[in-house]
Amino acid sequence: MHELSLAGGVLKVVEDAAAREGFARVRRLTLEAGALAGVEVRALRFALQALQPGTCLEGAEITIDEPPAPAWCHGCCATVEVRSRLDDCPRCGSARLLPTGGTELRVRELIVHDD
């Protein structure tokens, strides 16, 4: 389950930010896992919840958004949104799509406690 190592990486990013910015606890963490990132969101959420106790994420609200991925369609020469590498173009039905994003896992928002 690579989501556990991803959760550990997210925790490291948050802990590094806490050390740099001087906060002790996170109120809300919002992540963005692109549709083509290869992340099982439910497993990532579970892993993050398992890592929370005793860290700056303890008690934090965790949200993981899953935006669609942009792709360039060679059939109709348009940028379209897809949810899978197996999707056909939603405009023209072509299977000749080149993903141009959606492979990222990133921290989008970090709301911290003032105390």
Foldseek 3Di string as FASTA:
>chain_A
DCLLVVLVVVLVVVVVCCVVVVFFAWAEWEKEQFLQQPDDVVVNVVSNQVPQPPGNDPNHHYHYHYFFFWKAAPVVRDIDTDNDLQDAGPPPRHNRIGTPDRNDMGTDDIHGDPD
